[in-house]
Every structure is written in C-alpha cells, then in structure tokens.
Amino acid sequence: MATTIRKELVIAVHNKIVASTDFNVYNVATKRYEFQKKTILNDESLTLIERKEAVKLLTVYYDYQKILYNEGTKRFCEQCQQDCFATLYCECCTRIYLKNHFSNWSSGNDYIDDLIQKCQLESLRPDKIIEWIPYNNLQNIKYITKGGCSEIYSANWIDGPYIEWNCDEQQLKRLGTQKVILKTLKNVDNANKNWFDKVRFFFKNYS
C-alpha cells in the first residue's frame, strides 16, 4: 500500500524552517542548507518519507541558489564531463539537451527564437525553462476577457512544461497537460530592440 504524503504539511514545514533561519548566523548558503536539512530530519510532525520530500524541496532551492549566485562547491558530472553546482540534476546537461533540440522548434520569428534560445542556455532549474509552445500543442482555447490592449484566453497545454531532469535517461521530463492563460501580443513583427530587451529581462527573472 502506497504511503500518502501530506503535501500541504510538507510545504508548510519546509517554508517555516526556511523563514525562521537566522541569516546572520547562517550567512553562507551551505551552512543554511545543512542547518535547515538537519532541522527537517528532526521534525517529528512528518513521517520519514515526508521528511525526504521536504529535504528534496530544500535541495531544489539550494541548487538554484548555488547556480544563481555562483557559490558553493561544484561536483564533476560523469555524463557531460563538466563541473556543475546542482546536486539533483546537472545544469550543464540540461542546457546541452536544450541546445540539441533547437532545430526541433521555431516561432517563425528569428528574434524570438534567438531570445528563447539564449534564455534556455542560461536556465537555472528544469522547472523554470522558457519555451516556445506550438499552437497545435494547445487545446480547448477559450476567450476570457480583454485586458488593456490584449485579449486573454485559457487553454490546455498538451504535455505541459518541463518539470525535472531524468539523470538515467538524460532528458527533461514534462509535467503533463496543464491549464494555461494566454495573452495576445500585437505588432510583434514591428517590435524594436528595446521591446525584446524588456521581454528578455522578464524571462531572466522568471528562469
């Protein structure tokens, strides 16, 4: 019989421990991670499997912080033969995978393609990757309302976004069909460099 994980409790305990950490005492990412990990493993309100899930959540964020701020100890990835920061995945392998798939998609606009490709080559987490979604990958598109100069729609994204890196198969795995919100962009063909710079700034903050 499968053990049920109380996801809301796991997230609540994780968030509480992270929020209560004294950054003046644990002023280095590695020290914070080890302290928070130890605290989670000693939390008796969680089952053993729930503690492991909470530690996984903590490690995902720790990996992200190491890559973002270029700090902490690197490890050698036997797959791509490069040094990487992440422990649950390899950011180098992820970027190589994305680069190898550049020829499999196109928005039809060279500037947009270049923008997305640059963001993918700087991606920090498998679940925070900017993608081009082909129209054929959207179902049940429904008009919602008009906001400002744009029209808003809802749709189902077939397969959904990337969610994690599979080290054994050396590929990104998707979450599955997800409901998404679409916003129309007018005059993209006439967009200037300033417009693309703003979009890239938004993308970098997201990823």
N, C-alpha and C. Protein backbone atom coordinates (compact mmCIF):
# COMPACT_ATOMS: atom_id res chain seq x y z
N MET A 1 0.85 -1.20 0.00
CA MET A 1 0.00 0.00 0.00
C MET A 1 0.88 1.25 0.00
N ALA A 2 0.62 2.14 -0.90
CA ALA A 2 1.44 3.35 -1.01
C ALA A 2 1.22 4.27 0.18
N THR A 3 2.29 4.86 0.63
CA THR A 3 2.21 5.80 1.75
C THR A 3 1.80 7.17 1.23
N THR A 4 0.79 7.75 1.89
CA THR A 4 0.30 9.06 1.48
C THR A 4 1.20 10.16 2.03
N ILE A 5 1.59 11.08 1.17
CA ILE A 5 2.39 12.23 1.59
C ILE A 5 1.48 13.43 1.75
N ARG A 6 1.50 14.01 2.93
CA ARG A 6 0.69 15.21 3.20
C ARG A 6 1.44 16.42 2.64
N LYS A 7 1.20 16.69 1.37
CA LYS A 7 1.98 17.70 0.65
C LYS A 7 1.88 19.09 1.28
N GLU A 8 0.67 19.45 1.72
CA GLU A 8 0.49 20.78 2.32
C GLU A 8 1.31 20.92 3.60
N LEU A 9 1.35 19.85 4.39
CA LEU A 9 2.13 19.88 5.63
C LEU A 9 3.62 19.93 5.32
N VAL A 10 4.05 19.16 4.33
CA VAL A 10 5.46 19.15 3.93
C VAL A 10 5.91 20.56 3.52
N ILE A 11 5.09 21.20 2.69
CA ILE A 11 5.42 22.55 2.24
C ILE A 11 5.41 23.54 3.39
N ALA A 12 4.43 23.39 4.30
CA ALA A 12 4.33 24.29 5.45
C ALA A 12 5.54 24.18 6.36
N VAL A 13 5.97 22.95 6.64
CA VAL A 13 7.14 22.73 7.50
C VAL A 13 8.39 23.27 6.82
N HIS A 14 8.53 22.99 5.54
CA HIS A 14 9.68 23.48 4.77
C HIS A 14 9.75 25.01 4.82
N ASN A 15 8.63 25.65 4.53
CA ASN A 15 8.59 27.12 4.50
C ASN A 15 8.85 27.73 5.87
N LYS A 16 8.33 27.10 6.91
CA LYS A 16 8.52 27.60 8.27
C LYS A 16 9.99 27.55 8.67
N ILE A 17 10.65 26.45 8.35
CA ILE A 17 12.06 26.28 8.70
C ILE A 17 12.93 27.27 7.93
N VAL A 18 12.63 27.44 6.65
CA VAL A 18 13.40 28.39 5.84
C VAL A 18 13.20 29.81 6.36
N ALA A 19 11.96 30.17 6.69
CA ALA A 19 11.65 31.52 7.14
C ALA A 19 12.24 31.83 8.52
N SER A 20 12.39 30.81 9.35
CA SER A 20 12.88 31.02 10.71
C SER A 20 14.40 30.94 10.83
N THR A 21 15.09 30.68 9.72
CA THR A 21 16.55 30.58 9.74
C THR A 21 17.18 31.96 9.93
N ASP A 22 18.09 32.06 10.87
CA ASP A 22 18.79 33.32 11.14
C ASP A 22 19.92 33.49 10.13
N PHE A 23 19.74 34.40 9.19
CA PHE A 23 20.73 34.61 8.13
C PHE A 23 22.00 35.28 8.66
N ASN A 24 21.93 35.88 9.83
CA ASN A 24 23.13 36.47 10.43
C ASN A 24 24.05 35.38 10.97
N VAL A 25 23.45 34.31 11.44
CA VAL A 25 24.23 33.17 11.96
C VAL A 25 24.65 32.26 10.81
N TYR A 26 23.69 31.92 9.96
CA TYR A 26 23.96 31.05 8.82
C TYR A 26 24.04 31.91 7.56
N ASN A 27 25.15 32.63 7.44
CA ASN A 27 25.30 33.62 6.38
C ASN A 27 25.91 33.08 5.09
N VAL A 28 26.12 31.78 5.04
CA VAL A 28 26.63 31.12 3.84
C VAL A 28 25.61 30.07 3.41
N ALA A 29 25.36 29.97 2.11
CA ALA A 29 24.32 29.08 1.60
C ALA A 29 24.49 27.64 2.08
N THR A 30 25.72 27.15 2.08
CA THR A 30 25.97 25.77 2.50
C THR A 30 25.61 25.56 3.96
N LYS A 31 25.97 26.51 4.82
CA LYS A 31 25.64 26.41 6.24
C LYS A 31 24.13 26.43 6.45
N ARG A 32 23.44 27.31 5.73
CA ARG A 32 21.98 27.39 5.85
C ARG A 32 21.34 26.07 5.44
N TYR A 33 21.82 25.53 4.33
CA TYR A 33 21.26 24.28 3.82
C TYR A 33 21.44 23.15 4.82
N GLU A 34 22.63 22.99 5.37
CA GLU A 34 22.90 21.91 6.32
C GLU A 34 22.07 22.07 7.59
N PHE A 35 21.93 23.31 8.07
CA PHE A 35 21.11 23.56 9.27
C PHE A 35 19.64 23.24 8.99
N GLN A 36 19.13 23.73 7.86
CA GLN A 36 17.73 23.51 7.52
C GLN A 36 17.44 22.03 7.27
N LYS A 37 18.37 21.35 6.63
CA LYS A 37 18.22 19.92 6.37
C LYS A 37 18.16 19.14 7.68
N LYS A 38 19.05 19.46 8.61
CA LYS A 38 19.08 18.78 9.90
C LYS A 38 17.78 19.03 10.66
N THR A 39 17.29 20.27 10.61
CA THR A 39 16.05 20.62 11.30
C THR A 39 14.87 19.84 10.74
N ILE A 40 14.82 19.71 9.42
CA ILE A 40 13.74 18.95 8.78
C ILE A 40 13.79 17.49 9.19
N LEU A 41 14.97 16.90 9.17
CA LEU A 41 15.13 15.48 9.51
C LEU A 41 14.78 15.19 10.96
N ASN A 42 14.83 16.22 11.81
CA ASN A 42 14.48 16.05 13.23
C ASN A 42 13.03 16.41 13.53
N ASP A 43 12.29 16.82 12.51
CA ASP A 43 10.90 17.24 12.71
C ASP A 43 9.99 16.01 12.83
N GLU A 44 9.44 15.79 14.02
CA GLU A 44 8.64 14.60 14.28
C GLU A 44 7.20 14.71 13.79
N SER A 45 6.81 15.89 13.30
CA SER A 45 5.45 16.03 12.76
C SER A 45 5.33 15.40 11.38
N LEU A 46 6.48 15.11 10.76
CA LEU A 46 6.50 14.49 9.44
C LEU A 46 6.90 13.03 9.54
N THR A 47 6.37 12.21 8.63
CA THR A 47 6.81 10.83 8.54
C THR A 47 8.18 10.81 7.85
N LEU A 48 8.82 9.66 7.84
CA LEU A 48 10.14 9.55 7.23
C LEU A 48 10.10 9.93 5.75
N ILE A 49 9.10 9.45 5.03
CA ILE A 49 9.01 9.75 3.60
C ILE A 49 8.69 11.22 3.37
N GLU A 50 7.94 11.83 4.30
CA GLU A 50 7.63 13.26 4.19
C GLU A 50 8.87 14.11 4.45
N ARG A 51 9.71 13.66 5.37
CA ARG A 51 10.96 14.38 5.62
C ARG A 51 11.85 14.35 4.38
N LYS A 52 11.90 13.20 3.72
CA LYS A 52 12.69 13.09 2.50
C LYS A 52 12.16 14.02 1.42
N GLU A 53 10.83 14.15 1.35
CA GLU A 53 10.22 15.04 0.36
C GLU A 53 10.54 16.50 0.69
N ALA A 54 10.52 16.84 1.98
CA ALA A 54 10.84 18.21 2.40
C ALA A 54 12.30 18.53 2.11
N VAL A 55 13.18 17.56 2.33
CA VAL A 55 14.61 17.76 2.03
C VAL A 55 14.81 17.94 0.53
N LYS A 56 14.04 17.22 -0.27
CA LYS A 56 14.13 17.37 -1.72
C LYS A 56 13.73 18.79 -2.14
N LEU A 57 12.66 19.31 -1.54
CA LEU A 57 12.24 20.69 -1.82
C LEU A 57 13.35 21.67 -1.46
N LEU A 58 13.96 21.42 -0.31
CA LEU A 58 15.04 22.28 0.17
C LEU A 58 16.23 22.23 -0.78
N THR A 59 16.56 21.03 -1.26
CA THR A 59 17.71 20.85 -2.14
C THR A 59 17.49 21.50 -3.50
N VAL A 60 16.26 21.45 -4.00
CA VAL A 60 15.93 22.11 -5.27
C VAL A 60 16.24 23.60 -5.18
N TYR A 61 15.82 24.22 -4.09
CA TYR A 61 16.06 25.66 -3.92
C TYR A 61 17.55 25.93 -3.69
N TYR A 62 18.21 25.04 -2.95
CA TYR A 62 19.65 25.19 -2.68
C TYR A 62 20.44 25.12 -3.98
N ASP A 63 20.09 24.17 -4.83
CA ASP A 63 20.75 24.06 -6.14
C ASP A 63 20.57 25.34 -6.94
N TYR A 64 19.35 25.85 -6.93
CA TYR A 64 19.03 27.08 -7.67
C TYR A 64 19.87 28.25 -7.17
N GLN A 65 19.98 28.38 -5.85
CA GLN A 65 20.75 29.48 -5.26
C GLN A 65 22.24 29.38 -5.61
N LYS A 66 22.77 28.17 -5.60
CA LYS A 66 24.19 27.98 -5.92
C LYS A 66 24.49 28.41 -7.36
N ILE A 67 23.61 28.01 -8.29
CA ILE A 67 23.83 28.36 -9.69
C ILE A 67 23.64 29.86 -9.90
N LEU A 68 22.58 30.41 -9.29
CA LEU A 68 22.26 31.82 -9.47
C LEU A 68 23.38 32.72 -8.99
N TYR A 69 23.92 32.41 -7.81
CA TYR A 69 24.94 33.28 -7.20
C TYR A 69 26.37 32.76 -7.40
N ASN A 70 26.49 31.64 -8.14
CA ASN A 70 27.82 31.10 -8.45
C ASN A 70 28.65 30.89 -7.19
N GLU A 71 28.03 30.22 -6.21
CA GLU A 71 28.73 29.97 -4.96
C GLU A 71 28.49 28.53 -4.49
N GLY A 72 29.38 28.06 -3.65
CA GLY A 72 29.27 26.70 -3.16
C GLY A 72 30.22 25.77 -3.89
N THR A 73 30.19 24.51 -3.48
CA THR A 73 31.08 23.51 -4.04
C THR A 73 30.50 22.90 -5.31
N LYS A 74 31.32 22.80 -6.33
CA LYS A 74 30.89 22.16 -7.56
C LYS A 74 31.18 20.67 -7.50
N ARG A 75 30.50 19.91 -8.35
CA ARG A 75 30.77 18.48 -8.48
C ARG A 75 31.04 18.17 -9.95
N PHE A 76 31.70 17.06 -10.19
CA PHE A 76 32.02 16.67 -11.56
C PHE A 76 30.93 15.77 -12.10
N CYS A 77 30.34 16.14 -13.24
CA CYS A 77 29.28 15.34 -13.86
C CYS A 77 29.92 14.33 -14.81
N GLU A 78 29.68 13.05 -14.55
CA GLU A 78 30.26 12.00 -15.37
C GLU A 78 29.63 11.93 -16.76
N GLN A 79 28.43 12.49 -16.90
CA GLN A 79 27.73 12.43 -18.19
C GLN A 79 28.31 13.43 -19.19
N CYS A 80 28.38 14.70 -18.78
CA CYS A 80 28.85 15.74 -19.71
C CYS A 80 30.31 16.12 -19.49
N GLN A 81 30.93 15.53 -18.45
CA GLN A 81 32.34 15.77 -18.15
C GLN A 81 32.62 17.24 -17.82
N GLN A 82 31.65 17.90 -17.17
CA GLN A 82 31.83 19.28 -16.76
C GLN A 82 31.54 19.43 -15.27
N ASP A 83 32.04 20.50 -14.69
CA ASP A 83 31.75 20.79 -13.29
C ASP A 83 30.42 21.53 -13.20
N CYS A 84 29.58 21.12 -12.25
CA CYS A 84 28.27 21.76 -12.10
C CYS A 84 27.99 22.01 -10.62
N PHE A 85 27.03 22.90 -10.35
CA PHE A 85 26.65 23.22 -8.98
C PHE A 85 25.53 22.32 -8.46
N ALA A 86 24.54 22.03 -9.30
CA ALA A 86 23.35 21.31 -8.85
C ALA A 86 23.67 19.89 -8.42
N THR A 87 22.88 19.39 -7.46
CA THR A 87 23.06 18.03 -6.96
C THR A 87 21.96 17.09 -7.44
N LEU A 88 20.73 17.59 -7.60
CA LEU A 88 19.62 16.76 -8.06
C LEU A 88 19.60 16.62 -9.58
N TYR A 89 20.34 17.46 -10.25
CA TYR A 89 20.44 17.44 -11.71
C TYR A 89 21.77 18.08 -12.08
N CYS A 90 22.05 18.20 -13.36
CA CYS A 90 23.24 18.90 -13.82
C CYS A 90 22.79 20.02 -14.74
N GLU A 91 23.05 21.26 -14.35
CA GLU A 91 22.61 22.39 -15.17
C GLU A 91 23.29 22.39 -16.54
N CYS A 92 24.50 21.83 -16.61
CA CYS A 92 25.22 21.77 -17.89
C CYS A 92 24.54 20.77 -18.83
N CYS A 93 24.16 19.60 -18.30
CA CYS A 93 23.47 18.59 -19.11
C CYS A 93 22.14 19.12 -19.61
N THR A 94 21.44 19.83 -18.73
CA THR A 94 20.13 20.40 -19.09
C THR A 94 20.27 21.37 -20.26
N ARG A 95 21.26 22.23 -20.19
CA ARG A 95 21.47 23.23 -21.24
C ARG A 95 21.91 22.58 -22.55
N ILE A 96 22.73 21.54 -22.45
CA ILE A 96 23.17 20.81 -23.65
C ILE A 96 21.96 20.15 -24.32
N TYR A 97 21.10 19.56 -23.50
CA TYR A 97 19.88 18.91 -24.01
C TYR A 97 19.01 19.91 -24.76
N LEU A 98 18.82 21.08 -24.16
CA LEU A 98 18.00 22.12 -24.79
C LEU A 98 18.62 22.60 -26.10
N LYS A 99 19.94 22.78 -26.09
CA LYS A 99 20.64 23.24 -27.30
C LYS A 99 20.51 22.23 -28.43
N ASN A 100 20.59 20.95 -28.09
CA ASN A 100 20.47 19.90 -29.10
C ASN A 100 19.07 19.83 -29.72
N HIS A 101 18.11 20.47 -29.06
CA HIS A 101 16.73 20.44 -29.55
C HIS A 101 16.31 21.77 -30.19
N PHE A 102 17.25 22.67 -30.39
CA PHE A 102 16.92 23.96 -31.01
C PHE A 102 16.28 23.78 -32.39
N SER A 103 16.75 22.78 -33.13
CA SER A 103 16.26 22.58 -34.50
C SER A 103 14.86 21.96 -34.55
N ASN A 104 14.35 21.56 -33.38
CA ASN A 104 13.04 20.89 -33.34
C ASN A 104 11.86 21.85 -33.20
N TRP A 105 12.15 23.14 -33.05
CA TRP A 105 11.06 24.11 -32.88
C TRP A 105 11.45 25.45 -33.47
N SER A 106 10.45 26.26 -33.77
CA SER A 106 10.68 27.63 -34.23
C SER A 106 9.38 28.41 -34.10
N SER A 107 9.51 29.65 -33.69
CA SER A 107 8.34 30.53 -33.57
C SER A 107 7.98 31.14 -34.92
N GLY A 108 8.93 31.06 -35.87
CA GLY A 108 8.74 31.72 -37.15
C GLY A 108 9.33 33.12 -37.17
N ASN A 109 9.85 33.54 -36.01
CA ASN A 109 10.47 34.87 -35.89
C ASN A 109 11.89 34.68 -35.35
N ASP A 110 12.88 35.07 -36.12
CA ASP A 110 14.28 34.84 -35.74
C ASP A 110 14.64 35.52 -34.42
N TYR A 111 14.11 36.71 -34.19
CA TYR A 111 14.41 37.44 -32.96
C TYR A 111 13.86 36.71 -31.73
N ILE A 112 12.63 36.20 -31.86
CA ILE A 112 12.02 35.47 -30.75
C ILE A 112 12.76 34.17 -30.50
N ASP A 113 13.12 33.46 -31.59
CA ASP A 113 13.88 32.21 -31.45
C ASP A 113 15.20 32.46 -30.72
N ASP A 114 15.90 33.51 -31.14
CA ASP A 114 17.19 33.85 -30.53
C ASP A 114 17.02 34.18 -29.05
N LEU A 115 15.96 34.90 -28.72
CA LEU A 115 15.69 35.28 -27.34
C LEU A 115 15.45 34.05 -26.47
N ILE A 116 14.60 33.14 -26.94
CA ILE A 116 14.29 31.93 -26.17
C ILE A 116 15.52 31.05 -26.04
N GLN A 117 16.29 30.91 -27.11
CA GLN A 117 17.49 30.07 -27.07
C GLN A 117 18.50 30.59 -26.05
N LYS A 118 18.70 31.91 -26.02
CA LYS A 118 19.63 32.50 -25.06
C LYS A 118 19.17 32.25 -23.63
N CYS A 119 17.87 32.37 -23.40
CA CYS A 119 17.33 32.12 -22.06
C CYS A 119 17.50 30.65 -21.67
N GLN A 120 17.31 29.75 -22.63
CA GLN A 120 17.46 28.32 -22.33
C GLN A 120 18.91 27.98 -21.99
N LEU A 121 19.85 28.64 -22.65
CA LEU A 121 21.27 28.38 -22.39
C LEU A 121 21.73 28.96 -21.06
N GLU A 122 20.87 29.77 -20.43
CA GLU A 122 21.17 30.34 -19.12
C GLU A 122 20.22 29.79 -18.05
N SER A 123 19.45 28.76 -18.38
CA SER A 123 18.45 28.22 -17.47
C SER A 123 19.09 27.70 -16.19
N LEU A 124 18.39 27.88 -15.07
CA LEU A 124 18.91 27.51 -13.76
C LEU A 124 18.26 26.26 -13.19
N ARG A 125 16.98 26.04 -13.54
CA ARG A 125 16.24 24.91 -13.00
C ARG A 125 15.43 24.23 -14.10
N PRO A 126 15.27 22.90 -14.01
CA PRO A 126 14.49 22.18 -15.03
C PRO A 126 13.03 22.62 -15.08
N ASP A 127 12.50 23.12 -13.97
CA ASP A 127 11.09 23.52 -13.92
C ASP A 127 10.89 25.02 -14.16
N LYS A 128 11.94 25.69 -14.61
CA LYS A 128 11.85 27.13 -14.89
C LYS A 128 12.47 27.44 -16.26
N ILE A 129 12.05 26.68 -17.26
CA ILE A 129 12.63 26.83 -18.60
C ILE A 129 11.64 27.52 -19.53
N ILE A 130 12.11 28.56 -20.19
CA ILE A 130 11.30 29.28 -21.16
C ILE A 130 11.20 28.46 -22.45
N GLU A 131 9.99 28.31 -22.98
CA GLU A 131 9.79 27.52 -24.20
C GLU A 131 8.89 28.23 -25.19
N TRP A 132 8.99 27.80 -26.44
CA TRP A 132 8.01 28.18 -27.45
C TRP A 132 6.98 27.07 -27.52
N ILE A 133 5.69 27.40 -27.35
CA ILE A 133 4.63 26.40 -27.38
C ILE A 133 3.92 26.48 -28.74
N PRO A 134 4.05 25.46 -29.58
CA PRO A 134 3.36 25.46 -30.87
C PRO A 134 1.84 25.50 -30.67
N TYR A 135 1.15 26.16 -31.57
CA TYR A 135 -0.31 26.29 -31.46
C TYR A 135 -0.98 24.91 -31.40
N ASN A 136 -0.43 23.94 -32.12
CA ASN A 136 -1.00 22.60 -32.15
C ASN A 136 -0.91 21.88 -30.81
N ASN A 137 -0.09 22.41 -29.90
CA ASN A 137 0.04 21.81 -28.57
C ASN A 137 -0.94 22.40 -27.57
N LEU A 138 -1.84 23.23 -28.06
CA LEU A 138 -2.86 23.84 -27.20
C LEU A 138 -4.24 23.33 -27.59
N GLN A 139 -5.05 23.01 -26.58
CA GLN A 139 -6.41 22.53 -26.81
C GLN A 139 -7.40 23.35 -25.98
N ASN A 140 -8.66 23.27 -26.37
CA ASN A 140 -9.75 23.93 -25.62
C ASN A 140 -9.46 25.41 -25.37
N ILE A 141 -9.04 26.10 -26.41
CA ILE A 141 -8.75 27.54 -26.28
C ILE A 141 -10.07 28.31 -26.15
N LYS A 142 -10.18 29.08 -25.07
CA LYS A 142 -11.42 29.81 -24.79
C LYS A 142 -11.12 31.26 -24.46
N TYR A 143 -11.89 32.14 -25.05
CA TYR A 143 -11.75 33.58 -24.78
C TYR A 143 -12.26 33.88 -23.37
N ILE A 144 -11.51 34.67 -22.61
CA ILE A 144 -11.92 35.04 -21.25
C ILE A 144 -12.36 36.49 -21.19
N THR A 145 -11.45 37.39 -21.55
CA THR A 145 -11.77 38.81 -21.46
C THR A 145 -10.72 39.62 -22.21
N LYS A 146 -10.89 40.92 -22.20
CA LYS A 146 -9.92 41.82 -22.80
C LYS A 146 -9.31 42.66 -21.70
N GLY A 147 -7.98 42.67 -21.63
CA GLY A 147 -7.28 43.43 -20.60
C GLY A 147 -6.30 44.39 -21.22
N GLY A 148 -6.52 45.69 -21.07
CA GLY A 148 -5.62 46.66 -21.69
C GLY A 148 -5.71 46.58 -23.19
N CYS A 149 -4.56 46.34 -23.83
CA CYS A 149 -4.52 46.24 -25.29
C CYS A 149 -4.50 44.79 -25.76
N SER A 150 -4.70 43.85 -24.83
CA SER A 150 -4.58 42.44 -25.18
C SER A 150 -5.86 41.67 -24.86
N GLU A 151 -6.02 40.56 -25.56
CA GLU A 151 -7.12 39.65 -25.27
C GLU A 151 -6.58 38.47 -24.47
N ILE A 152 -7.36 38.01 -23.50
CA ILE A 152 -6.93 36.93 -22.61
C ILE A 152 -7.71 35.67 -22.92
N TYR A 153 -7.00 34.55 -23.02
CA TYR A 153 -7.61 33.26 -23.30
C TYR A 153 -7.12 32.22 -22.29
N SER A 154 -7.87 31.14 -22.14
CA SER A 154 -7.41 29.99 -21.38
C SER A 154 -7.26 28.82 -22.36
N ALA A 155 -6.41 27.86 -22.01
CA ALA A 155 -6.20 26.70 -22.88
C ALA A 155 -5.56 25.57 -22.08
N ASN A 156 -5.58 24.39 -22.66
CA ASN A 156 -4.87 23.25 -22.08
C ASN A 156 -3.60 23.02 -22.87
N TRP A 157 -2.48 23.04 -22.20
CA TRP A 157 -1.18 22.82 -22.84
C TRP A 157 -0.88 21.32 -22.79
N ILE A 158 -0.95 20.67 -23.94
CA ILE A 158 -0.68 19.23 -24.02
C ILE A 158 0.76 18.96 -23.56
N ASP A 159 0.93 17.98 -22.73
CA ASP A 159 2.23 17.57 -22.16
C ASP A 159 2.71 18.52 -21.06
N GLY A 160 2.40 19.81 -21.18
CA GLY A 160 2.78 20.75 -20.13
C GLY A 160 4.26 21.09 -20.13
N PRO A 161 4.71 21.85 -19.14
CA PRO A 161 6.10 22.32 -19.09
C PRO A 161 7.06 21.25 -18.60
N TYR A 162 8.34 21.51 -18.77
CA TYR A 162 9.35 20.65 -18.17
C TYR A 162 9.25 20.74 -16.66
N ILE A 163 9.48 19.61 -15.98
CA ILE A 163 9.35 19.61 -14.52
C ILE A 163 10.61 19.12 -13.82
N GLU A 164 11.35 18.19 -14.47
CA GLU A 164 12.56 17.68 -13.83
C GLU A 164 13.50 17.06 -14.85
N TRP A 165 14.75 16.89 -14.43
CA TRP A 165 15.77 16.27 -15.26
C TRP A 165 15.91 14.82 -14.85
N ASN A 166 15.79 13.89 -15.82
CA ASN A 166 15.96 12.47 -15.56
C ASN A 166 17.41 12.10 -15.85
N CYS A 167 18.18 11.88 -14.80
CA CYS A 167 19.61 11.60 -14.96
C CYS A 167 19.86 10.29 -15.69
N ASP A 168 19.02 9.27 -15.44
CA ASP A 168 19.21 7.97 -16.07
C ASP A 168 18.96 8.02 -17.57
N GLU A 169 17.89 8.72 -17.96
CA GLU A 169 17.54 8.80 -19.37
C GLU A 169 18.18 10.00 -20.07
N GLN A 170 18.81 10.87 -19.29
CA GLN A 170 19.47 12.06 -19.83
C GLN A 170 18.51 12.91 -20.67
N GLN A 171 17.36 13.20 -20.09
CA GLN A 171 16.40 14.06 -20.78
C GLN A 171 15.47 14.74 -19.78
N LEU A 172 14.87 15.83 -20.23
CA LEU A 172 13.92 16.56 -19.41
C LEU A 172 12.56 15.88 -19.47
N LYS A 173 11.90 15.79 -18.33
CA LYS A 173 10.57 15.20 -18.24
C LYS A 173 9.52 16.29 -18.09
N ARG A 174 8.35 16.05 -18.66
CA ARG A 174 7.28 17.04 -18.60
C ARG A 174 6.24 16.70 -17.53
N LEU A 175 5.52 17.73 -17.11
CA LEU A 175 4.56 17.60 -16.03
C LEU A 175 3.28 16.90 -16.46
N GLY A 176 2.89 17.06 -17.71
CA GLY A 176 1.60 16.56 -18.17
C GLY A 176 0.70 17.74 -18.51
N THR A 177 -0.44 17.46 -19.13
CA THR A 177 -1.34 18.51 -19.58
C THR A 177 -1.69 19.49 -18.46
N GLN A 178 -1.52 20.78 -18.75
CA GLN A 178 -1.77 21.83 -17.76
C GLN A 178 -2.63 22.94 -18.36
N LYS A 179 -3.47 23.53 -17.52
CA LYS A 179 -4.26 24.68 -17.96
C LYS A 179 -3.36 25.92 -17.91
N VAL A 180 -3.40 26.72 -18.96
CA VAL A 180 -2.56 27.92 -19.04
C VAL A 180 -3.41 29.12 -19.46
N ILE A 181 -2.88 30.29 -19.20
CA ILE A 181 -3.51 31.54 -19.61
C ILE A 181 -2.70 32.14 -20.75
N LEU A 182 -3.37 32.53 -21.82
CA LEU A 182 -2.72 33.09 -22.99
C LEU A 182 -3.06 34.57 -23.13
N LYS A 183 -2.08 35.34 -23.55
CA LYS A 183 -2.28 36.77 -23.75
C LYS A 183 -1.76 37.14 -25.14
N THR A 184 -2.60 37.76 -25.93
CA THR A 184 -2.19 38.14 -27.29
C THR A 184 -1.20 39.30 -27.25
N LEU A 185 -0.24 39.26 -28.16
CA LEU A 185 0.74 40.33 -28.31
C LEU A 185 0.58 40.94 -29.69
N LYS A 186 0.32 42.22 -29.75
CA LYS A 186 0.11 42.89 -31.03
C LYS A 186 1.40 43.53 -31.54
N ASN A 187 1.52 43.58 -32.85
CA ASN A 187 2.65 44.26 -33.51
C ASN A 187 4.01 43.68 -33.14
N VAL A 188 4.06 42.36 -32.87
CA VAL A 188 5.35 41.73 -32.54
C VAL A 188 6.31 41.83 -33.71
N ASP A 189 5.79 41.73 -34.92
CA ASP A 189 6.65 41.80 -36.12
C ASP A 189 7.36 43.14 -36.23
N ASN A 190 6.77 44.18 -35.62
CA ASN A 190 7.36 45.52 -35.68
C ASN A 190 8.10 45.90 -34.40
N ALA A 191 8.26 44.92 -33.51
CA ALA A 191 8.90 45.21 -32.22
C ALA A 191 10.36 45.60 -32.43
N ASN A 192 10.83 46.59 -31.65
CA ASN A 192 12.22 47.02 -31.76
C ASN A 192 13.08 46.34 -30.70
N LYS A 193 14.37 46.66 -30.69
CA LYS A 193 15.31 46.03 -29.77
C LYS A 193 14.91 46.27 -28.32
N ASN A 194 14.40 47.44 -28.02
CA ASN A 194 14.00 47.78 -26.66
C ASN A 194 12.91 46.84 -26.15
N TRP A 195 11.98 46.48 -27.05
CA TRP A 195 10.90 45.56 -26.68
C TRP A 195 11.47 44.20 -26.32
N PHE A 196 12.39 43.70 -27.14
CA PHE A 196 12.97 42.39 -26.88
C PHE A 196 13.84 42.41 -25.62
N ASP A 197 14.52 43.52 -25.35
CA ASP A 197 15.32 43.64 -24.13
C ASP A 197 14.44 43.54 -22.89
N LYS A 198 13.26 44.16 -22.95
CA LYS A 198 12.33 44.10 -21.82
C LYS A 198 11.80 42.68 -21.61
N VAL A 199 11.49 42.01 -22.72
CA VAL A 199 11.00 40.64 -22.63
C VAL A 199 12.07 39.72 -22.07
N ARG A 200 13.30 39.91 -22.52
CA ARG A 200 14.40 39.08 -22.03
C ARG A 200 14.62 39.31 -20.54
N PHE A 201 14.49 40.55 -20.09
CA PHE A 201 14.63 40.86 -18.66
C PHE A 201 13.58 40.10 -17.86
N PHE A 202 12.35 40.07 -18.37
CA PHE A 202 11.28 39.33 -17.71
C PHE A 202 11.59 37.84 -17.69
N PHE A 203 12.04 37.30 -18.82
CA PHE A 203 12.37 35.88 -18.91
C PHE A 203 13.47 35.49 -17.92
N LYS A 204 14.50 36.32 -17.82
CA LYS A 204 15.62 36.02 -16.93
C LYS A 204 15.16 36.02 -15.48
N ASN A 205 14.27 36.92 -15.12
CA ASN A 205 13.75 36.95 -13.76
C ASN A 205 12.91 35.72 -13.47
N TYR A 206 12.21 35.22 -14.50
CA TYR A 206 11.39 34.03 -14.34
C TYR A 206 12.25 32.79 -14.16
N SER A 207 13.28 32.67 -15.00
CA SER A 207 14.08 31.45 -15.01
C SER A 207 15.18 31.46 -13.97
